[in-house]
Amino acid sequence: MDTNLLKVFITVAKTKSISSAAKELEFTQSNVTLRIKQLEKNLGYSLFHRTNRGVVLSNEGEKLYPYAIDILKKIEEATVQMRNINYQDVLKIGSTQTFTTSNLMPIIEQLHEDFEEMKLEFSIDSSLNLVEKLLDYKIDIAFVNGNPHNKDLEILNVFDEKMVLVEPLKKQTGNTVFVFKKTCANCIFLENYIKENREESYKTVALENYELILGCVKAGYGVSLLSPKIIEKFGYTDYVKQTKIENYLDTHLVCRKDYLPVIHKYLRDISL
């Protein structure tokens, strides 16, 4: 229902006059009459009785009047509320498993300290799936590996992601590549790295548990690609060999261009 028509209807009902309503609304009388007729046509009822002294509400008009008042009141309240939004009520965050384990907690702590009333929701997934969720408006922001190069997405921030090739410290390395998931960016990067730098053929095994991956590498079953923070977190720093990987994909914090978070300026400045 057109709220502009309801506004005209309410004004005519209050003034009990087409001419008085037109003056108050700064419309022509014919314009007011046309809008009332349009509303009556939409509803299928006559809303006013015409008299020598003006107009009065019909039974149908009297029934509509309180609803029209309530509708316009709610529209006005919603408009004021939307114009005065200056905080993020809920922030839906997407993140890769690697970034979640290595770097997300300090950011969460900063968000809680600066926006105590803001609620957080999380989606942990591969970069590819997170981009799809962003495009479908299922999440507000996402920490993904590399620049997604999507015309609908905007980069809010970039975080340097240091990654190392993890191998057994003293044992011979088995020909297995251990990854968290076969669909993640780490898996694709590591498989390409192995093909370019090793003559032996390797098979890829997804374990979805970083401590298990580190345990298998330590035992000599194969290699993996992990953040030094993850290795330190699980206490394996002194038990595996770490080789720095150059030109790894930085983590990009992205959102939709047409749906910037209210706190987007804050997110552009946040650092680890």
Protein backbone atom coordinates (compact mmCIF):
# COMPACT_ATOMS: atom_id res chain seq x y z
CA MET A 1 0.00 0.00 0.00
CA ASP A 2 1.33 3.43 -1.02
CA THR A 3 2.11 5.40 2.15
CA ASN A 4 1.80 8.67 0.22
CA LEU A 5 -1.84 7.84 -0.49
CA LEU A 6 -2.37 7.03 3.18
CA LYS A 7 -0.92 10.39 4.17
CA VAL A 8 -3.38 12.18 1.90
CA PHE A 9 -6.23 10.02 3.25
CA ILE A 10 -5.33 10.88 6.89
CA THR A 11 -5.05 14.61 6.12
CA VAL A 12 -8.45 14.68 4.41
CA ALA A 13 -9.99 12.71 7.29
CA LYS A 14 -8.54 15.11 9.88
CA THR A 15 -9.50 18.31 8.06
CA LYS A 16 -12.80 16.92 6.72
CA SER A 17 -12.18 18.95 3.60
CA ILE A 18 -10.52 18.33 0.25
CA SER A 19 -9.56 22.00 -0.08
CA SER A 20 -8.15 22.24 3.45
CA ALA A 21 -6.17 19.04 2.96
CA ALA A 22 -4.81 20.34 -0.33
CA LYS A 23 -3.69 23.55 1.36
CA GLU A 24 -1.98 21.66 4.21
CA LEU A 25 -0.26 19.24 1.83
CA GLU A 26 0.54 22.00 -0.67
CA PHE A 27 -1.23 20.04 -3.42
CA THR A 28 -3.94 21.10 -5.85
CA GLN A 29 -7.48 20.03 -4.97
CA SER A 30 -7.60 17.89 -8.10
CA ASN A 31 -4.40 16.13 -7.03
CA VAL A 32 -5.86 15.31 -3.60
CA THR A 33 -9.10 14.08 -5.17
CA LEU A 34 -7.16 11.93 -7.64
CA ARG A 35 -5.12 10.30 -4.86
CA ILE A 36 -8.18 9.55 -2.75
CA LYS A 37 -9.85 7.94 -5.77
CA GLN A 38 -6.70 5.92 -6.43
CA LEU A 39 -6.67 4.64 -2.84
CA GLU A 40 -10.38 3.82 -3.03
CA LYS A 41 -9.80 1.94 -6.28
CA ASN A 42 -6.93 -0.04 -4.73
CA LEU A 43 -9.04 -1.02 -1.73
CA GLY A 44 -12.35 -1.46 -3.56
CA TYR A 45 -14.29 0.78 -1.14
CA SER A 46 -15.46 4.37 -0.93
CA LEU A 47 -13.66 5.97 1.99
CA PHE A 48 -15.57 9.26 2.23
CA HIS A 49 -19.09 10.58 1.92
CA ARG A 50 -19.27 13.97 0.18
CA THR A 51 -21.51 16.57 1.84
CA ASN A 52 -22.22 20.28 1.35
CA ARG A 53 -19.93 21.04 4.28
CA GLY A 54 -17.03 18.84 3.15
CA VAL A 55 -16.35 15.12 3.57
CA VAL A 56 -16.85 12.56 6.32
CA LEU A 57 -15.44 9.09 6.67
CA SER A 58 -17.50 6.17 5.48
CA ASN A 59 -17.72 3.02 7.62
CA GLU A 60 -14.86 1.56 5.57
CA GLY A 61 -12.90 4.78 5.96
CA GLU A 62 -13.32 4.67 9.75
CA LYS A 63 -11.98 1.11 9.79
CA LEU A 64 -8.97 2.09 7.67
CA TYR A 65 -8.12 5.25 9.62
CA PRO A 66 -6.44 3.72 12.73
CA TYR A 67 -4.48 1.29 10.56
CA ALA A 68 -3.31 4.15 8.33
CA ILE A 69 -2.20 6.14 11.41
CA ASP A 70 -0.31 3.10 12.74
CA ILE A 71 1.35 2.35 9.40
CA LEU A 72 2.64 5.90 8.94
CA LYS A 73 3.83 6.04 12.55
CA LYS A 74 5.85 2.84 12.11
CA ILE A 75 7.28 4.08 8.81
CA GLU A 76 8.38 7.33 10.46
CA GLU A 77 9.92 5.47 13.41
CA ALA A 78 11.79 3.13 11.06
CA THR A 79 13.04 6.08 8.98
CA VAL A 80 14.35 7.89 12.05
CA GLN A 81 15.93 4.70 13.34
CA MET A 82 17.69 3.96 10.05
CA ARG A 83 18.97 7.53 9.70
CA ASN A 84 20.50 7.38 13.16
CA ILE A 85 22.26 4.03 12.95
CA ASN A 86 25.83 4.64 14.06
CA TYR A 87 26.77 1.24 15.34
CA GLN A 88 27.01 -2.33 14.11
CA ASP A 89 24.36 -4.40 15.89
CA VAL A 90 25.53 -7.76 14.52
CA LEU A 91 28.68 -8.49 12.53
CA LYS A 92 28.71 -11.75 10.57
CA ILE A 93 32.35 -12.76 10.11
CA GLY A 94 33.70 -15.34 7.68
CA SER A 95 37.23 -16.68 8.03
CA THR A 96 39.45 -19.45 6.76
CA GLN A 97 40.45 -22.13 9.26
CA THR A 98 44.10 -21.03 9.10
CA PHE A 99 43.38 -17.36 9.81
CA THR A 100 40.91 -18.32 12.53
CA THR A 101 43.49 -20.43 14.32
CA SER A 102 46.45 -18.09 13.88
CA ASN A 103 45.16 -14.51 13.88
CA LEU A 104 41.41 -14.09 14.40
CA MET A 105 41.35 -14.07 18.22
CA PRO A 106 43.27 -10.77 18.65
CA ILE A 107 40.84 -9.12 16.23
CA ILE A 108 37.84 -10.51 18.12
CA GLU A 109 39.28 -9.16 21.37
CA GLN A 110 39.74 -5.71 19.81
CA LEU A 111 36.16 -5.74 18.49
CA HIS A 112 34.78 -6.69 21.90
CA GLU A 113 36.79 -3.99 23.62
CA ASP A 114 35.70 -1.25 21.20
CA PHE A 115 32.13 -2.45 20.47
CA GLU A 116 31.01 -4.23 23.61
CA GLU A 117 27.33 -4.36 22.63
CA MET A 118 27.97 -5.73 19.13
CA LYS A 119 27.14 -9.39 18.59
CA LEU A 120 29.40 -11.58 16.45
CA GLU A 121 28.46 -14.53 14.26
CA PHE A 122 31.04 -16.76 12.59
CA SER A 123 31.35 -18.86 9.46
CA ILE A 124 34.57 -20.87 9.10
CA ASP A 125 35.08 -22.14 5.56
CA SER A 126 37.35 -22.16 2.52
CA SER A 127 38.11 -18.87 0.77
CA LEU A 128 36.05 -19.91 -2.27
CA ASN A 129 32.99 -20.71 -0.16
CA LEU A 130 33.38 -17.54 1.90
CA VAL A 131 33.35 -15.41 -1.25
CA GLU A 132 30.13 -17.12 -2.33
CA LYS A 133 28.58 -16.44 1.08
CA LEU A 134 29.55 -12.77 0.80
CA LEU A 135 27.99 -12.49 -2.64
CA ASP A 136 24.81 -14.11 -1.28
CA TYR A 137 24.68 -11.62 1.67
CA LYS A 138 25.02 -14.48 4.16
CA ILE A 139 28.01 -12.85 5.88
CA ASP A 140 29.16 -9.22 6.23
CA ILE A 141 32.94 -9.59 5.96
CA ALA A 142 35.40 -12.37 5.21
CA PHE A 143 39.09 -13.05 5.78
CA VAL A 144 40.18 -14.90 2.62
CA ASN A 145 43.46 -16.02 1.10
CA GLY A 146 44.57 -13.59 -1.58
CA ASN A 147 42.65 -10.99 -3.56
CA PRO A 148 39.42 -12.56 -4.89
CA HIS A 149 39.39 -10.08 -7.84
CA ASN A 150 35.61 -9.79 -7.85
CA LYS A 151 33.96 -6.61 -9.14
CA ASP A 152 31.27 -6.81 -6.45
CA LEU A 153 33.72 -7.05 -3.54
CA GLU A 154 35.75 -4.35 -1.82
CA ILE A 155 39.03 -4.89 0.02
CA LEU A 156 38.91 -3.35 3.49
CA ASN A 157 42.28 -4.49 4.77
CA VAL A 158 45.24 -6.77 4.00
CA PHE A 159 47.16 -8.87 6.53
CA ASP A 160 50.60 -10.31 5.87
CA GLU A 161 50.25 -14.08 6.17
CA LYS A 162 53.56 -15.75 6.99
CA MET A 163 53.58 -19.45 6.11
CA VAL A 164 56.27 -22.12 6.39
CA LEU A 165 56.85 -25.53 4.89
CA VAL A 166 56.75 -27.96 7.81
CA GLU A 167 58.90 -31.11 7.68
CA PRO A 168 60.25 -33.67 10.17
CA LEU A 169 63.16 -32.29 12.17
CA LYS A 170 65.46 -35.32 12.07
CA LYS A 171 63.60 -38.07 10.24
CA GLN A 172 63.28 -38.81 6.54
CA THR A 173 60.23 -37.13 4.99
CA GLY A 174 57.43 -39.31 3.67
CA ASN A 175 55.76 -38.52 0.36
CA THR A 176 52.49 -37.20 1.75
CA VAL A 177 51.13 -33.65 1.75
CA PHE A 178 48.99 -33.03 4.81
CA VAL A 179 46.34 -30.32 4.50
CA PHE A 180 43.35 -29.19 6.53
CA LYS A 181 40.97 -29.48 3.57
CA LYS A 182 41.60 -30.38 -0.06
CA THR A 183 39.50 -27.40 -1.19
CA CYS A 184 41.42 -24.78 0.81
CA ALA A 185 43.90 -22.32 -0.70
CA ASN A 186 46.74 -23.80 1.38
CA CYS A 187 46.23 -27.17 -0.26
CA ILE A 188 46.34 -25.77 -3.80
CA PHE A 189 49.38 -23.63 -3.02
CA LEU A 190 51.29 -26.49 -1.33
CA GLU A 191 50.53 -29.00 -4.09
CA ASN A 192 51.87 -26.56 -6.71
CA TYR A 193 54.90 -25.79 -4.56
CA ILE A 194 55.74 -29.50 -4.20
CA LYS A 195 55.37 -30.11 -7.94
CA GLU A 196 57.74 -27.24 -8.71
CA ASN A 197 60.36 -28.04 -6.08
CA ARG A 198 60.33 -31.81 -5.57
CA GLU A 199 61.01 -34.59 -8.04
CA GLU A 200 59.12 -37.22 -6.05
CA SER A 201 55.37 -37.63 -6.37
CA TYR A 202 53.27 -36.85 -3.30
CA LYS A 203 49.74 -37.81 -2.34
CA THR A 204 47.47 -35.35 -0.57
CA VAL A 205 45.70 -36.24 2.68
CA ALA A 206 43.17 -33.97 4.44
CA LEU A 207 43.05 -34.36 8.23
CA GLU A 208 41.05 -31.29 9.39
CA ASN A 209 43.02 -31.14 12.65
CA TYR A 210 46.19 -29.08 12.99
CA GLU A 211 47.58 -31.00 15.94
CA LEU A 212 47.15 -34.27 14.04
CA ILE A 213 48.84 -32.76 10.97
CA LEU A 214 51.79 -31.62 13.10
CA GLY A 215 52.00 -35.00 14.79
CA CYS A 216 52.14 -36.81 11.44
CA VAL A 217 54.81 -34.44 10.13
CA LYS A 218 56.89 -34.81 13.29
CA ALA A 219 56.65 -38.60 12.99
CA GLY A 220 58.03 -38.40 9.43
CA TYR A 221 54.95 -39.20 7.38
CA GLY A 222 55.08 -36.10 5.20
CA VAL A 223 55.00 -32.30 4.92
CA SER A 224 52.51 -29.50 5.45
CA LEU A 225 52.09 -25.75 5.02
CA LEU A 226 51.23 -23.89 8.21
CA SER A 227 51.49 -20.57 9.98
CA PRO A 228 54.33 -20.40 12.55
CA LYS A 229 51.69 -19.18 15.02
CA ILE A 230 49.80 -22.45 14.65
CA ILE A 231 52.99 -24.46 15.14
CA GLU A 232 53.79 -22.46 18.28
CA LYS A 233 50.21 -22.70 19.54
CA PHE A 234 50.34 -26.50 19.53
CA GLY A 235 53.85 -26.64 20.99
CA TYR A 236 55.70 -28.05 17.97
CA THR A 237 58.18 -25.21 17.35
CA ASP A 238 61.17 -27.26 18.55
CA TYR A 239 60.02 -30.54 17.02
CA VAL A 240 59.62 -29.77 13.28
CA LYS A 241 61.70 -28.12 10.60
CA GLN A 242 60.30 -24.83 9.27
CA THR A 243 61.21 -23.35 5.88
CA LYS A 244 59.83 -19.91 5.06
CA ILE A 245 57.66 -19.80 1.93
CA GLU A 246 58.01 -16.70 -0.24
CA ASN A 247 55.18 -15.06 -2.19
CA TYR A 248 52.39 -16.69 -0.21
CA LEU A 249 48.90 -15.22 -0.51
CA ASP A 250 48.21 -12.46 2.00
CA THR A 251 44.89 -12.56 3.85
CA HIS A 252 42.42 -10.01 2.46
CA LEU A 253 39.52 -8.69 4.52
CA VAL A 254 36.70 -8.16 2.03
CA CYS A 255 33.02 -7.21 1.93
CA ARG A 256 30.39 -6.40 -0.68
CA LYS A 257 30.73 -2.97 -2.28
CA ASP A 258 26.99 -2.40 -1.99
CA TYR A 259 26.80 -3.55 1.64
CA LEU A 260 29.62 -1.93 3.58
CA PRO A 261 29.55 -2.69 7.33
CA VAL A 262 28.69 0.30 9.52
CA ILE A 263 32.15 -0.06 11.09
CA HIS A 264 33.96 -0.33 7.75
CA LYS A 265 36.25 2.62 8.57
CA TYR A 266 37.28 0.91 11.78
CA LEU A 267 37.95 -2.36 9.96
CA ARG A 268 40.19 -0.59 7.45
CA ASP A 269 42.47 0.53 10.27
CA ILE A 270 42.51 -2.62 12.40
CA SER A 271 45.88 -4.37 12.67
CA LEU A 272 47.36 -7.47 14.25
